[in-house]
Amino acid sequence: MMQEPVLRKLFLAFIQVHILYHAKKEPIYGSWIIEELKNHGYEISAGTLYPIFHNLEKDGLLFMNHKKVGGKVRKYYSITEEGNAVLQAARGKIDELKREIE
């Protein structure tokens, strides 16, 4: 179906906004955000999520810390100042688009 690749690209952008939003509230890690996104109807695998985390980190929007949890090292991601600025800009554009398409 022709719509699937197009919708996937759009949803990946929405997922990035979700990640930035939750990383602003508190540090997040992979399995937690996968479950949180599932609550919003997004099915995403770790193989899709971690490249998104890495790209957001590379772009300076997230930073990563290692924390030991239950004897295992877990990667936690938090928003940066730049990430917060991007989230605020995205929020404005989302509000504008929402008003237009209603």
C-alpha atoms as a PDB file:
ATOM      1  CA  MET A   1       0.000   0.000   0.000  1.00  0.00           C
ATOM      2  CA  MET A   2       1.403   3.387  -1.038  1.00  0.00           C
ATOM      3  CA  GLN A   3       0.354   5.147   2.182  1.00  0.00           C
ATOM      4  CA  GLU A   4       2.412   2.973   4.543  1.00  0.00           C
ATOM      5  CA  PRO A   5       5.880   4.465   3.795  1.00  0.00           C
ATOM      6  CA  VAL A   6       4.477   8.006   3.892  1.00  0.00           C
ATOM      7  CA  LEU A   7       2.671   7.419   7.192  1.00  0.00           C
ATOM      8  CA  ARG A   8       5.777   5.778   8.633  1.00  0.00           C
ATOM      9  CA  LYS A   9       7.851   8.884   7.857  1.00  0.00           C
ATOM     10  CA  LEU A  10       5.246  11.137   9.461  1.00  0.00           C
ATOM     11  CA  PHE A  11       4.933   8.919  12.518  1.00  0.00           C
ATOM     12  CA  LEU A  12       8.721   8.827  12.965  1.00  0.00           C
ATOM     13  CA  ALA A  13       8.654  12.621  13.197  1.00  0.00           C
ATOM     14  CA  PHE A  14       5.834  12.433  15.768  1.00  0.00           C
ATOM     15  CA  ILE A  15       7.829   9.858  17.731  1.00  0.00           C
ATOM     16  CA  GLN A  16      10.803  12.219  17.879  1.00  0.00           C
ATOM     17  CA  VAL A  17       8.563  14.929  19.341  1.00  0.00           C
ATOM     18  CA  HIS A  18       7.259  12.425  21.916  1.00  0.00           C
ATOM     19  CA  ILE A  19      10.829  11.492  22.841  1.00  0.00           C
ATOM     20  CA  LEU A  20      11.848  15.131  23.306  1.00  0.00           C
ATOM     21  CA  TYR A  21       8.722  15.840  25.347  1.00  0.00           C
ATOM     22  CA  HIS A  22       9.276  12.930  27.724  1.00  0.00           C
ATOM     23  CA  ALA A  23      13.037  13.560  27.955  1.00  0.00           C
ATOM     24  CA  LYS A  24      12.185  17.093  29.083  1.00  0.00           C
ATOM     25  CA  LYS A  25       9.998  15.769  31.907  1.00  0.00           C
ATOM     26  CA  GLU A  26      12.581  13.246  33.156  1.00  0.00           C
ATOM     27  CA  PRO A  27      15.435  11.060  31.880  1.00  0.00           C
ATOM     28  CA  ILE A  28      14.066   8.229  29.723  1.00  0.00           C
ATOM     29  CA  TYR A  29      15.359   4.856  28.564  1.00  0.00           C
ATOM     30  CA  GLY A  30      14.534   2.605  25.643  1.00  0.00           C
ATOM     31  CA  SER A  31      12.134   0.011  26.987  1.00  0.00           C
ATOM     32  CA  TRP A  32      10.189   2.654  28.927  1.00  0.00           C
ATOM     33  CA  ILE A  33       9.652   4.908  25.883  1.00  0.00           C
ATOM     34  CA  ILE A  34       8.702   1.885  23.747  1.00  0.00           C
ATOM     35  CA  GLU A  35       5.898   1.138  26.226  1.00  0.00           C
ATOM     36  CA  GLU A  36       4.908   4.811  26.470  1.00  0.00           C
ATOM     37  CA  LEU A  37       4.711   5.101  22.683  1.00  0.00           C
ATOM     38  CA  LYS A  38       2.633   1.907  22.601  1.00  0.00           C
ATOM     39  CA  ASN A  39       0.117   3.718  24.840  1.00  0.00           C
ATOM     40  CA  HIS A  40      -0.210   6.284  22.033  1.00  0.00           C
ATOM     41  CA  GLY A  41      -0.693   3.666  19.319  1.00  0.00           C
ATOM     42  CA  TYR A  42       2.885   3.558  17.998  1.00  0.00           C
ATOM     43  CA  GLU A  43       4.542   0.172  17.547  1.00  0.00           C
ATOM     44  CA  ILE A  44       8.297   0.694  17.509  1.00  0.00           C
ATOM     45  CA  SER A  45      11.131  -1.776  17.960  1.00  0.00           C
ATOM     46  CA  ALA A  46      14.420  -1.207  19.748  1.00  0.00           C
ATOM     47  CA  GLY A  47      16.080  -1.521  16.336  1.00  0.00           C
ATOM     48  CA  THR A  48      14.148   1.554  15.188  1.00  0.00           C
ATOM     49  CA  LEU A  49      14.273   3.457  18.476  1.00  0.00           C
ATOM     50  CA  TYR A  50      17.989   3.414  19.227  1.00  0.00           C
ATOM     51  CA  PRO A  51      19.016   4.976  15.899  1.00  0.00           C
ATOM     52  CA  ILE A  52      16.478   7.751  16.658  1.00  0.00           C
ATOM     53  CA  PHE A  53      18.075   8.245  20.092  1.00  0.00           C
ATOM     54  CA  HIS A  54      21.539   8.307  18.519  1.00  0.00           C
ATOM     55  CA  ASN A  55      20.510  10.809  15.835  1.00  0.00           C
ATOM     56  CA  LEU A  56      18.861  13.092  18.399  1.00  0.00           C
ATOM     57  CA  GLU A  57      22.014  12.861  20.504  1.00  0.00           C
ATOM     58  CA  LYS A  58      24.262  13.513  17.476  1.00  0.00           C
ATOM     59  CA  ASP A  59      22.130  16.562  16.616  1.00  0.00           C
ATOM     60  CA  GLY A  60      22.636  17.896  20.146  1.00  0.00           C
ATOM     61  CA  LEU A  61      18.985  17.511  21.185  1.00  0.00           C
ATOM     62  CA  LEU A  62      19.525  14.747  23.762  1.00  0.00           C
ATOM     63  CA  PHE A  63      22.394  13.695  25.974  1.00  0.00           C
ATOM     64  CA  MET A  64      22.958  10.243  27.396  1.00  0.00           C
ATOM     65  CA  ASN A  65      24.065   9.084  30.837  1.00  0.00           C
ATOM     66  CA  HIS A  66      24.795   5.552  31.991  1.00  0.00           C
ATOM     67  CA  LYS A  67      23.190   4.427  35.243  1.00  0.00           C
ATOM     68  CA  LYS A  68      23.516   1.095  36.975  1.00  0.00           C
ATOM     69  CA  VAL A  69      20.074  -0.390  37.648  1.00  0.00           C
ATOM     70  CA  GLY A  70      19.695  -3.838  39.157  1.00  0.00           C
ATOM     71  CA  GLY A  71      23.275  -4.758  38.298  1.00  0.00           C
ATOM     72  CA  LYS A  72      22.858  -3.715  34.654  1.00  0.00           C
ATOM     73  CA  VAL A  73      23.970  -0.513  32.965  1.00  0.00           C
ATOM     74  CA  ARG A  74      21.075   1.381  31.414  1.00  0.00           C
ATOM     75  CA  LYS A  75      21.305   4.352  29.041  1.00  0.00           C
ATOM     76  CA  TYR A  76      19.160   7.298  30.096  1.00  0.00           C
ATOM     77  CA  TYR A  77      18.461  10.169  27.724  1.00  0.00           C
ATOM     78  CA  SER A  78      17.679  13.754  28.751  1.00  0.00           C
ATOM     79  CA  ILE A  79      16.864  16.833  26.713  1.00  0.00           C
ATOM     80  CA  THR A  80      19.472  19.531  26.077  1.00  0.00           C
ATOM     81  CA  GLU A  81      18.874  23.277  25.848  1.00  0.00           C
ATOM     82  CA  GLU A  82      18.914  22.946  22.061  1.00  0.00           C
ATOM     83  CA  GLY A  83      16.466  20.053  22.280  1.00  0.00           C
ATOM     84  CA  ASN A  84      14.169  22.157  24.424  1.00  0.00           C
ATOM     85  CA  ALA A  85      14.303  24.975  21.859  1.00  0.00           C
ATOM     86  CA  VAL A  86      13.471  22.517  19.067  1.00  0.00           C
ATOM     87  CA  LEU A  87      10.602  21.072  21.127  1.00  0.00           C
ATOM     88  CA  GLN A  88       9.192  24.568  21.711  1.00  0.00           C
ATOM     89  CA  ALA A  89       9.431  25.381  17.988  1.00  0.00           C
ATOM     90  CA  ALA A  90       7.785  22.053  17.101  1.00  0.00           C
ATOM     91  CA  ARG A  91       5.008  22.728  19.604  1.00  0.00           C
ATOM     92  CA  GLY A  92       4.241  26.053  17.897  1.00  0.00           C
ATOM     93  CA  LYS A  93       4.195  24.478  14.444  1.00  0.00           C
ATOM     94  CA  ILE A  94       2.021  21.598  15.678  1.00  0.00           C
ATOM     95  CA  ASP A  95      -0.473  24.058  17.203  1.00  0.00           C
ATOM     96  CA  GLU A  96      -0.578  26.036  13.959  1.00  0.00           C
ATOM     97  CA  LEU A  97      -1.059  22.909  11.845  1.00  0.00           C
ATOM     98  CA  LYS A  98      -3.742  21.580  14.185  1.00  0.00           C
ATOM     99  CA  ARG A  99      -5.736  24.797  13.800  1.00  0.00           C
ATOM    100  CA  GLU A 100      -5.395  24.625  10.013  1.00  0.00           C
ATOM    101  CA  ILE A 101      -6.552  21.044   9.573  1.00  0.00           C
ATOM    102  CA  GLU A 102      -9.465  21.088  12.003  1.00  0.00           C
END
